Amino acid sequence: MEGFLARFQGKLLAYENRCRHLPLTLDFHDGHFFSPDGRHFICQNHNAIYEPLTGLCVRGPCEGQSLKALKIEVTGGDVWLVG
């Protein structure tokens, strides 16, 4: 499993790096997850648009499905994947 970590509106978020439409990474391994305006995550394969705070796909072939959230914990400035 591959995941990604992002900061959005002051919150630290972590999701599995897998589009809900096809089993492809959102970023094609280049580390770019945000749309050009910085308001959404975008799948670079087919432009599915996801809400960062919820992971919900709001536009595209997987509309209504959600990215899989990863549970994280911040301890002493370090970010840890939990369970």
C-alpha atoms as a PDB file:
ATOM      1  CA  MET A   1       0.000   0.000   0.000  1.00  0.00           C
ATOM      2  CA  GLU A   2       1.191   3.485  -0.840  1.00  0.00           C
ATOM      3  CA  GLY A   3      -0.179   6.542   0.905  1.00  0.00           C
ATOM      4  CA  PHE A   4       0.226  10.286   0.840  1.00  0.00           C
ATOM      5  CA  LEU A   5       0.239  13.013   3.436  1.00  0.00           C
ATOM      6  CA  ALA A   6      -1.058  16.523   2.780  1.00  0.00           C
ATOM      7  CA  ARG A   7      -1.789  19.689   4.713  1.00  0.00           C
ATOM      8  CA  PHE A   8      -5.056  21.408   3.859  1.00  0.00           C
ATOM      9  CA  GLN A   9      -6.695  24.288   5.740  1.00  0.00           C
ATOM     10  CA  GLY A  10      -4.259  23.729   8.608  1.00  0.00           C
ATOM     11  CA  LYS A  11      -5.105  20.031   8.940  1.00  0.00           C
ATOM     12  CA  LEU A  12      -2.784  17.113   8.276  1.00  0.00           C
ATOM     13  CA  LEU A  13      -4.463  14.452   6.130  1.00  0.00           C
ATOM     14  CA  ALA A  14      -3.398  10.990   4.989  1.00  0.00           C
ATOM     15  CA  TYR A  15      -4.998   8.804   2.340  1.00  0.00           C
ATOM     16  CA  GLU A  16      -4.192   5.663   0.423  1.00  0.00           C
ATOM     17  CA  ASN A  17      -2.715   6.750  -2.905  1.00  0.00           C
ATOM     18  CA  ARG A  18      -5.210   4.926  -5.064  1.00  0.00           C
ATOM     19  CA  CYS A  19      -7.944   6.377  -7.225  1.00  0.00           C
ATOM     20  CA  ARG A  20     -11.400   4.929  -6.579  1.00  0.00           C
ATOM     21  CA  HIS A  21     -12.092   4.594 -10.316  1.00  0.00           C
ATOM     22  CA  LEU A  22      -9.100   2.492 -11.361  1.00  0.00           C
ATOM     23  CA  PRO A  23      -6.337   0.987  -9.209  1.00  0.00           C
ATOM     24  CA  LEU A  24      -3.823   3.707 -10.146  1.00  0.00           C
ATOM     25  CA  THR A  25      -1.972   6.215  -8.002  1.00  0.00           C
ATOM     26  CA  LEU A  26      -3.457   9.703  -8.024  1.00  0.00           C
ATOM     27  CA  ASP A  27      -0.135  11.385  -8.729  1.00  0.00           C
ATOM     28  CA  PHE A  28       1.645   9.070 -11.208  1.00  0.00           C
ATOM     29  CA  HIS A  29       4.507   9.062  -8.655  1.00  0.00           C
ATOM     30  CA  ASP A  30       5.416  12.724  -9.152  1.00  0.00           C
ATOM     31  CA  GLY A  31       4.135  13.896  -5.755  1.00  0.00           C
ATOM     32  CA  HIS A  32       1.494  16.307  -7.106  1.00  0.00           C
ATOM     33  CA  PHE A  33      -1.921  15.665  -5.551  1.00  0.00           C
ATOM     34  CA  PHE A  34      -3.630  19.066  -5.625  1.00  0.00           C
ATOM     35  CA  SER A  35      -5.577  20.624  -8.456  1.00  0.00           C
ATOM     36  CA  PRO A  36      -3.987  23.763  -9.963  1.00  0.00           C
ATOM     37  CA  ASP A  37      -6.142  26.006  -7.731  1.00  0.00           C
ATOM     38  CA  GLY A  38      -5.099  24.041  -4.603  1.00  0.00           C
ATOM     39  CA  ARG A  39      -8.704  23.372  -3.532  1.00  0.00           C
ATOM     40  CA  HIS A  40      -8.991  19.651  -4.347  1.00  0.00           C
ATOM     41  CA  PHE A  41      -7.023  16.470  -4.824  1.00  0.00           C
ATOM     42  CA  ILE A  42      -7.038  15.391  -8.454  1.00  0.00           C
ATOM     43  CA  CYS A  43      -6.327  12.076 -10.128  1.00  0.00           C
ATOM     44  CA  GLN A  44      -3.869  12.766 -12.926  1.00  0.00           C
ATOM     45  CA  ASN A  45      -5.148   9.771 -14.909  1.00  0.00           C
ATOM     46  CA  HIS A  46      -8.718  10.889 -15.552  1.00  0.00           C
ATOM     47  CA  ASN A  47      -9.161  14.119 -13.552  1.00  0.00           C
ATOM     48  CA  ALA A  48     -11.421  12.803 -10.789  1.00  0.00           C
ATOM     49  CA  ILE A  49     -11.794  15.562  -8.185  1.00  0.00           C
ATOM     50  CA  TYR A  50     -11.725  14.753  -4.443  1.00  0.00           C
ATOM     51  CA  GLU A  51     -12.544  16.926  -1.435  1.00  0.00           C
ATOM     52  CA  PRO A  52      -9.371  16.995   0.707  1.00  0.00           C
ATOM     53  CA  LEU A  53     -11.070  17.035   4.122  1.00  0.00           C
ATOM     54  CA  THR A  54     -13.382  14.084   3.419  1.00  0.00           C
ATOM     55  CA  GLY A  55     -11.758  12.235   0.517  1.00  0.00           C
ATOM     56  CA  LEU A  56     -15.119  12.247  -1.293  1.00  0.00           C
ATOM     57  CA  CYS A  57     -15.007  12.249  -5.086  1.00  0.00           C
ATOM     58  CA  VAL A  58     -17.183  15.178  -6.183  1.00  0.00           C
ATOM     59  CA  ARG A  59     -16.560  14.983  -9.931  1.00  0.00           C
ATOM     60  CA  GLY A  60     -15.441  12.269 -12.293  1.00  0.00           C
ATOM     61  CA  PRO A  61     -16.105   8.594 -12.987  1.00  0.00           C
ATOM     62  CA  CYS A  62     -15.933   7.659  -9.294  1.00  0.00           C
ATOM     63  CA  GLU A  63     -18.262  10.411  -8.058  1.00  0.00           C
ATOM     64  CA  GLY A  64     -19.752   9.538  -4.677  1.00  0.00           C
ATOM     65  CA  GLN A  65     -16.914   7.191  -3.687  1.00  0.00           C
ATOM     66  CA  SER A  66     -14.199   8.169  -1.207  1.00  0.00           C
ATOM     67  CA  LEU A  67     -10.479   7.808  -0.890  1.00  0.00           C
ATOM     68  CA  LYS A  68      -9.435   5.462   1.904  1.00  0.00           C
ATOM     69  CA  ALA A  69      -8.298   7.567   4.870  1.00  0.00           C
ATOM     70  CA  LEU A  70      -5.193   6.470   6.765  1.00  0.00           C
ATOM     71  CA  LYS A  71      -5.051   7.003  10.510  1.00  0.00           C
ATOM     72  CA  ILE A  72      -2.063   9.085  11.569  1.00  0.00           C
ATOM     73  CA  GLU A  73      -0.669  10.398  14.819  1.00  0.00           C
ATOM     74  CA  VAL A  74       1.694  13.340  15.329  1.00  0.00           C
ATOM     75  CA  THR A  75       4.176  12.842  18.158  1.00  0.00           C
ATOM     76  CA  GLY A  76       7.013  15.241  18.855  1.00  0.00           C
ATOM     77  CA  GLY A  77       6.861  16.677  15.346  1.00  0.00           C
ATOM     78  CA  ASP A  78       6.928  13.227  13.712  1.00  0.00           C
ATOM     79  CA  VAL A  79       3.996  11.756  11.793  1.00  0.00           C
ATOM     80  CA  TRP A  80       3.230   8.071  12.351  1.00  0.00           C
ATOM     81  CA  LEU A  81       0.878   5.740  10.552  1.00  0.00           C
ATOM     82  CA  VAL A  82      -1.364   4.083  13.146  1.00  0.00           C
ATOM     83  CA  GLY A  83      -2.851   0.583  12.912  1.00  0.00           C
END
